[in-house]
Amino acid sequence: MLRFARLCFGTLVHLFRARRSLLFENLALRQQLVVLKRRHPRPSLGLFDKLFWVVARQVWSAWKQPLIIVTPETVVRWHRASFRLYWRLISRVRTQVGRRRTPKEVRELIFRMVVENPTWGAPRIHGELLMLGFDLSERTIFRWMKRAPRNPEPAKRWLAFLRNHREAIAAMDFFTVPTITFGVLCCFFIISHDRRRILHVNVTKHPTSGWIIQQLREAFPFGSAPRFLIFDRDAKYGLEVPGTVRSLKICPVRTSFESPWQNGVAERWVESCRSDLLDHIVAVNGRHLKRLLSEYVRYYHEDRTHLGLGKGTPNNRPRSIASGRVLSHERLGGLYHRYDRAA
């Protein structure tokens, strides 16, 4: 009886409903029926199904009522995705707009002027380009000057200087090491460019200019100082360290700001020390770290071969004769080994 009443009530409602609404509802139900009849483990909605509901949402106000297989929120999300896709397609610029692109000829000319005239600024280059008949703004020239490739000549001159004076050059630098108690220790070292020998190494918690001066005096006793000493512009050196370097009859050579490549020998040793030793141990305190660094320096001088020295060692390790049994010797507590032939 209840079902019959519902059927009669639904019939009356449909009689008074507009024919257009009935057609849309019939179409929506048929579309969902087609989706459910697809032979898949789980019915899936394709691109045309999604477009159908996006269009239905625009032209039919009662689109939510017959919706069964998806939620209204999903249809709204599809519509917003279609909105973004639509505006992305129609927003594609077919013709160039805005300011004109600087011709390649002018860009290369700006780069050439920057390389050939290092002291020229944007106003001077702008004036030269105006004389050549190129109408550009000074701001455009300044922007392209920032993109100009670096001149390799200063780097080549610096490399030639290092190679030609390596017997008379030493370098110093700092690097930090964390401890087991989450403290920080500063390691100071001085390295010779000639055979990559470590002339001095020490550890401290509080590096000051006075402490650094004492390390320099211990590293260069009795007039054994090199001709040049390379170091960076760290604030720890202050004004006292360069003065002490000069008093030891050493010419201080300070690298440029943010140019670690100018002190490449020292930076390379820091990388070797980290990869060979510090990445495999945890420093307990300064005394422990100093002992490990001393053992590593001994291994570095006597046992470890170097590409920069033609696969030799700083202390000129002799080559064994190709005969006899090969013996293994532990270094750094068994972290590395040295191999020699038995006598």
Protein backbone atom coordinates (compact mmCIF):
# COMPACT_ATOMS: atom_id res chain seq x y z
CA MET A 1 0.00 0.00 0.00
CA LEU A 2 2.86 2.35 0.89
CA ARG A 3 4.64 1.66 -2.40
CA PHE A 4 1.43 2.33 -4.35
CA ALA A 5 1.05 5.66 -2.57
CA ARG A 6 4.63 6.62 -3.41
CA LEU A 7 4.04 5.69 -7.05
CA CYS A 8 0.89 7.80 -7.23
CA PHE A 9 2.64 10.73 -5.58
CA GLY A 10 5.61 10.47 -7.95
CA THR A 11 3.25 10.35 -10.94
CA LEU A 12 1.51 13.52 -9.80
CA VAL A 13 4.86 15.26 -9.32
CA HIS A 14 6.02 14.27 -12.79
CA LEU A 15 2.77 15.51 -14.32
CA PHE A 16 3.38 19.00 -12.95
CA ARG A 17 7.14 19.05 -13.67
CA ALA A 18 8.40 20.83 -16.75
CA ARG A 19 9.17 18.65 -19.75
CA ARG A 20 12.68 20.12 -20.04
CA SER A 21 13.59 18.99 -16.52
CA LEU A 22 12.28 15.47 -17.21
CA LEU A 23 14.38 15.23 -20.34
CA PHE A 24 17.54 16.23 -18.46
CA GLU A 25 16.84 13.77 -15.66
CA ASN A 26 16.24 10.98 -18.15
CA LEU A 27 19.46 11.83 -19.96
CA ALA A 28 21.46 11.89 -16.69
CA LEU A 29 20.12 8.53 -15.57
CA ARG A 30 20.83 6.97 -18.96
CA GLN A 31 24.38 8.28 -18.92
CA GLN A 32 25.04 6.74 -15.51
CA LEU A 33 23.47 3.49 -16.66
CA VAL A 34 25.91 3.37 -19.58
CA VAL A 35 28.81 3.83 -17.17
CA LEU A 36 27.61 1.05 -14.87
CA LYS A 37 27.16 -1.38 -17.79
CA ARG A 38 30.81 -1.16 -18.78
CA ARG A 39 32.69 -4.41 -18.40
CA HIS A 40 35.27 -3.50 -15.82
CA PRO A 41 35.84 -4.69 -12.26
CA ARG A 42 34.95 -1.17 -11.23
CA PRO A 43 33.09 1.34 -13.42
CA SER A 44 35.38 4.17 -14.49
CA LEU A 45 34.52 7.61 -15.78
CA GLY A 46 36.18 8.71 -18.98
CA LEU A 47 36.86 12.19 -20.29
CA PHE A 48 33.51 12.47 -22.09
CA ASP A 49 31.65 11.35 -18.95
CA LYS A 50 33.30 14.12 -16.98
CA LEU A 51 32.54 16.67 -19.68
CA PHE A 52 28.91 15.57 -19.67
CA TRP A 53 28.50 16.37 -15.98
CA VAL A 54 30.43 19.61 -16.28
CA VAL A 55 28.05 20.76 -19.02
CA ALA A 56 25.01 19.46 -17.12
CA ARG A 57 26.02 21.54 -14.12
CA GLN A 58 25.98 24.66 -16.28
CA VAL A 59 22.64 24.15 -18.05
CA TRP A 60 20.56 22.31 -15.43
CA SER A 61 19.90 23.61 -11.94
CA ALA A 62 18.68 20.26 -10.55
CA TRP A 63 21.73 18.29 -11.70
CA LYS A 64 22.48 16.98 -8.19
CA GLN A 65 19.25 15.01 -7.74
CA PRO A 66 19.87 12.08 -10.17
CA LEU A 67 23.61 11.96 -9.44
CA ILE A 68 24.54 8.50 -8.08
CA ILE A 69 27.97 7.26 -9.20
CA VAL A 70 29.95 10.36 -8.13
CA THR A 71 29.52 13.09 -5.56
CA PRO A 72 28.62 16.69 -6.44
CA GLU A 73 31.98 17.80 -5.03
CA THR A 74 33.75 15.65 -7.61
CA VAL A 75 31.81 17.31 -10.43
CA VAL A 76 32.73 20.74 -9.06
CA ARG A 77 36.39 19.72 -8.98
CA TRP A 78 36.15 18.56 -12.60
CA HIS A 79 34.62 21.87 -13.56
CA ARG A 80 37.42 23.85 -11.94
CA ALA A 81 40.04 21.70 -13.66
CA SER A 82 38.28 22.32 -16.98
CA PHE A 83 38.22 26.04 -16.20
CA ARG A 84 41.99 26.09 -15.67
CA LEU A 85 42.59 24.06 -18.83
CA TYR A 86 40.31 26.34 -20.86
CA TRP A 87 42.08 29.53 -19.81
CA ARG A 88 45.49 27.93 -20.25
CA LEU A 89 44.61 27.12 -23.85
CA ILE A 90 43.20 30.53 -24.76
CA SER A 91 45.99 32.36 -22.91
CA ARG A 92 48.72 31.04 -25.14
CA VAL A 93 50.40 34.01 -26.72
CA ARG A 94 50.55 33.65 -30.48
CA THR A 95 52.43 36.88 -31.08
CA GLN A 96 55.21 38.49 -29.09
CA VAL A 97 54.03 41.11 -26.62
CA GLY A 98 55.86 43.45 -24.32
CA ARG A 99 59.32 44.85 -24.93
CA ARG A 100 61.35 43.65 -27.88
CA ARG A 101 63.96 40.99 -27.25
CA THR A 102 67.54 42.19 -27.39
CA PRO A 103 69.12 40.91 -30.63
CA LYS A 104 71.81 38.25 -30.32
CA GLU A 105 74.30 40.52 -32.07
CA VAL A 106 73.85 43.21 -29.43
CA ARG A 107 74.07 40.72 -26.55
CA GLU A 108 77.34 39.30 -27.86
CA LEU A 109 78.67 42.83 -28.34
CA ILE A 110 77.83 43.72 -24.72
CA PHE A 111 79.58 40.56 -23.49
CA ARG A 112 82.61 41.42 -25.64
CA MET A 113 82.81 44.95 -24.24
CA VAL A 114 82.54 43.65 -20.67
CA VAL A 115 85.46 41.23 -21.23
CA GLU A 116 87.67 43.65 -23.14
CA ASN A 117 87.00 46.62 -20.84
CA PRO A 118 86.69 45.40 -17.22
CA THR A 119 86.45 48.95 -15.81
CA TRP A 120 83.53 50.02 -17.99
CA GLY A 121 80.10 50.32 -16.47
CA ALA A 122 76.65 50.39 -18.03
CA PRO A 123 76.75 54.14 -18.89
CA ARG A 124 80.01 53.78 -20.82
CA ILE A 125 78.85 50.71 -22.74
CA HIS A 126 75.51 52.43 -23.40
CA GLY A 127 77.36 55.37 -24.93
CA GLU A 128 79.42 53.13 -27.19
CA LEU A 129 76.32 51.28 -28.38
CA LEU A 130 74.58 54.58 -29.16
CA MET A 131 77.59 55.55 -31.27
CA LEU A 132 77.22 52.27 -33.15
CA GLY A 133 73.54 52.91 -33.84
CA PHE A 134 71.97 50.52 -31.31
CA ASP A 135 69.02 52.06 -29.46
CA LEU A 136 68.84 50.32 -26.08
CA SER A 137 68.14 51.59 -22.61
CA GLU A 138 70.92 51.75 -20.04
CA ARG A 139 68.94 49.49 -17.71
CA THR A 140 68.76 46.77 -20.39
CA ILE A 141 72.51 46.95 -20.83
CA PHE A 142 73.04 46.68 -17.07
CA ARG A 143 70.81 43.60 -16.96
CA TRP A 144 72.78 41.88 -19.73
CA MET A 145 76.10 42.83 -18.12
CA LYS A 146 75.15 40.68 -15.12
CA ARG A 147 74.75 37.69 -17.44
CA ALA A 148 78.08 38.17 -19.15
CA PRO A 149 80.36 35.11 -18.88
CA ARG A 150 83.24 35.46 -16.47
CA ASN A 151 86.64 36.24 -17.86
CA PRO A 152 88.82 33.14 -17.37
CA GLU A 153 92.06 35.13 -17.53
CA PRO A 154 92.26 36.04 -13.78
CA ALA A 155 91.84 32.38 -12.83
CA LYS A 156 94.52 31.35 -15.33
CA ARG A 157 96.93 33.97 -14.01
CA TRP A 158 96.33 32.81 -10.44
CA LEU A 159 96.89 29.16 -11.38
CA ALA A 160 100.10 30.07 -13.18
CA PHE A 161 101.26 31.98 -10.11
CA LEU A 162 100.65 28.98 -7.85
CA ARG A 163 102.43 26.56 -10.18
CA ASN A 164 105.47 28.78 -10.69
CA HIS A 165 105.92 29.51 -6.97
CA ARG A 166 104.78 26.28 -5.35
CA GLU A 167 108.17 25.73 -3.65
CA ALA A 168 107.77 29.05 -1.87
CA ILE A 169 104.05 28.90 -1.02
CA ALA A 170 102.21 27.63 2.04
CA ALA A 171 98.53 27.97 2.94
CA MET A 172 96.58 27.93 6.18
CA ASP A 173 92.92 27.45 6.95
CA PHE A 174 90.37 26.31 9.55
CA PHE A 175 87.68 23.64 9.50
CA THR A 176 85.23 22.54 12.20
CA VAL A 177 84.57 19.11 13.70
CA PRO A 178 81.57 18.21 15.95
CA THR A 179 82.22 16.32 19.17
CA ILE A 180 80.30 13.55 20.91
CA THR A 181 78.79 16.12 23.32
CA PHE A 182 77.54 18.25 20.36
CA GLY A 183 80.31 20.80 20.80
CA VAL A 184 82.42 22.24 18.00
CA LEU A 185 86.20 22.06 17.71
CA CYS A 186 88.21 24.21 15.29
CA CYS A 187 91.11 22.54 13.48
CA PHE A 188 93.91 24.76 12.25
CA PHE A 189 96.50 23.57 9.75
CA ILE A 190 99.25 24.86 7.48
CA ILE A 191 100.07 23.00 4.27
CA SER A 192 103.00 23.41 1.87
CA HIS A 193 102.25 23.61 -1.85
CA ASP A 194 105.49 21.94 -2.87
CA ARG A 195 104.87 18.33 -1.75
CA ARG A 196 101.47 18.87 -0.07
CA ARG A 197 103.09 18.41 3.33
CA ILE A 198 101.22 19.38 6.49
CA LEU A 199 103.58 21.75 8.28
CA HIS A 200 101.46 22.22 11.39
CA VAL A 201 98.09 21.10 12.77
CA ASN A 202 96.35 21.86 16.05
CA VAL A 203 92.90 21.89 17.66
CA THR A 204 91.15 24.47 19.83
CA LYS A 205 87.69 25.41 21.04
CA HIS A 206 88.21 29.16 20.90
CA PRO A 207 90.41 30.31 18.01
CA THR A 208 91.70 33.82 18.56
CA SER A 209 94.25 35.92 16.74
CA GLY A 210 96.72 35.41 19.62
CA TRP A 211 96.36 31.63 19.42
CA ILE A 212 96.86 31.71 15.63
CA ILE A 213 100.01 33.82 16.03
CA GLN A 214 101.43 31.22 18.43
CA GLN A 215 100.71 28.45 15.90
CA LEU A 216 102.55 30.40 13.20
CA ARG A 217 105.61 30.77 15.42
CA GLU A 218 105.61 27.04 16.16
CA ALA A 219 105.15 26.16 12.48
CA PHE A 220 108.02 28.35 11.19
CA PRO A 221 110.95 28.25 13.63
CA PHE A 222 114.49 29.37 12.84
CA GLY A 223 113.78 31.14 9.58
CA SER A 224 112.08 28.20 7.88
CA ALA A 225 109.16 30.28 6.72
CA PRO A 226 108.03 30.19 3.07
CA ARG A 227 107.99 33.21 0.83
CA PHE A 228 104.19 33.45 0.54
CA LEU A 229 101.35 32.40 2.85
CA ILE A 230 97.81 32.15 1.46
CA PHE A 231 94.80 32.52 3.75
CA ASP A 232 91.25 33.80 3.48
CA ARG A 233 89.54 36.83 5.00
CA ASP A 234 88.18 35.13 8.10
CA ALA A 235 87.42 37.55 10.93
CA LYS A 236 89.43 35.36 13.33
CA TYR A 237 92.68 36.62 11.80
CA GLY A 238 91.91 40.25 12.57
CA LEU A 239 94.69 42.75 11.94
CA GLU A 240 97.28 41.07 14.17
CA VAL A 241 97.78 37.90 12.12
CA PRO A 242 98.73 39.66 8.83
CA GLY A 243 101.16 41.83 10.81
CA THR A 244 102.76 38.78 12.41
CA VAL A 245 103.03 37.10 9.01
CA ARG A 246 104.97 40.10 7.72
CA SER A 247 107.20 40.12 10.80
CA LEU A 248 108.19 36.53 9.96
CA LYS A 249 109.36 37.84 6.55
CA ILE A 250 106.42 36.14 4.80
CA CYS A 251 104.35 37.88 2.17
CA PRO A 252 100.65 37.44 3.10
CA VAL A 253 98.36 36.66 0.17
CA ARG A 254 94.69 36.97 1.09
CA THR A 255 92.09 35.39 -1.16
CA SER A 256 89.12 37.29 -2.53
CA PHE A 257 85.73 37.18 -0.85
CA GLU A 258 83.82 33.92 -1.43
CA SER A 259 86.65 32.49 -3.56
CA PRO A 260 87.71 29.19 -1.95
CA TRP A 261 89.20 28.06 -5.28
CA GLN A 262 92.06 30.52 -4.71
CA ASN A 263 93.13 28.38 -1.75
CA GLY A 264 92.43 25.10 -3.51
CA VAL A 265 95.32 23.08 -2.03
CA ALA A 266 94.11 23.72 1.52
CA GLU A 267 90.49 23.10 0.59
CA ARG A 268 91.45 19.82 -1.08
CA TRP A 269 93.24 18.65 2.07
CA VAL A 270 90.15 19.43 4.16
CA GLU A 271 88.06 17.31 1.80
CA SER A 272 90.59 14.45 2.00
CA CYS A 273 90.72 14.64 5.79
CA ARG A 274 86.94 14.52 6.05
CA SER A 275 86.45 11.64 3.61
CA ASP A 276 89.42 9.62 4.93
CA LEU A 277 89.06 10.19 8.67
CA LEU A 278 86.39 12.49 10.05
CA ASP A 279 83.47 10.80 8.27
CA HIS A 280 84.35 7.53 10.06
CA ILE A 281 85.00 8.66 13.65
CA VAL A 282 83.31 10.66 16.41
CA ALA A 283 85.62 13.03 18.25
CA VAL A 284 85.37 12.72 22.04
CA ASN A 285 87.31 15.88 22.91
CA GLY A 286 90.14 18.04 21.67
CA ARG A 287 92.84 15.70 22.90
CA HIS A 288 91.27 12.73 21.12
CA LEU A 289 90.85 14.67 17.88
CA LYS A 290 94.42 15.96 18.01
CA ARG A 291 95.76 12.41 18.36
CA LEU A 292 93.68 11.21 15.41
CA LEU A 293 94.81 14.12 13.25
CA SER A 294 98.44 13.44 14.12
CA GLU A 295 98.06 9.80 13.07
CA TYR A 296 96.29 10.84 9.89
CA VAL A 297 99.03 13.35 9.01
CA ARG A 298 101.62 10.58 9.45
CA TYR A 299 99.55 8.28 7.21
CA TYR A 300 99.05 11.15 4.74
CA HIS A 301 102.78 11.83 4.50
CA GLU A 302 104.19 8.34 4.48
CA ASP A 303 101.56 5.96 3.07
CA ARG A 304 98.78 7.65 1.12
CA THR A 305 99.42 8.15 -2.60
CA HIS A 306 98.34 11.40 -4.26
CA LEU A 307 97.19 12.11 -7.78
CA GLY A 308 98.75 15.57 -7.66
CA LEU A 309 102.15 14.02 -6.91
CA GLY A 310 102.10 11.47 -9.70
CA LYS A 311 100.79 8.67 -7.44
CA GLY A 312 103.59 9.38 -4.97
CA THR A 313 103.59 10.44 -1.32
CA PRO A 314 104.77 13.72 0.24
CA ASN A 315 107.69 11.88 1.92
CA ASN A 316 108.69 10.08 -1.30
CA ARG A 317 107.69 6.54 -0.32
CA PRO A 318 110.04 4.12 -2.07
CA ARG A 319 108.67 1.54 -4.46
CA SER A 320 109.14 -2.11 -3.57
CA ILE A 321 110.84 -4.58 -5.86
CA ALA A 322 108.31 -6.88 -7.56
CA SER A 323 109.23 -9.96 -5.59
CA GLY A 324 108.52 -11.38 -2.18
CA ARG A 325 105.39 -11.80 -0.13
CA VAL A 326 103.04 -8.83 0.30
CA LEU A 327 102.62 -7.70 3.91
CA SER A 328 99.74 -5.62 5.24
CA HIS A 329 100.19 -2.96 7.94
CA GLU A 330 97.25 -1.35 9.72
CA ARG A 331 96.90 2.41 9.74
CA LEU A 332 94.51 4.58 11.74
CA GLY A 333 93.39 1.67 13.91
CA GLY A 334 92.70 -0.60 10.94
CA LEU A 335 90.72 1.99 8.97
CA TYR A 336 93.36 1.79 6.22
CA HIS A 337 96.32 -0.41 5.38
CA ARG A 338 99.76 -0.07 3.85
CA TYR A 339 101.17 -2.82 1.71
CA ASP A 340 104.86 -3.68 1.42
CA ARG A 341 106.82 -6.63 0.19
CA ALA A 342 108.74 -8.76 2.66
CA ALA A 343 112.49 -8.35 2.55
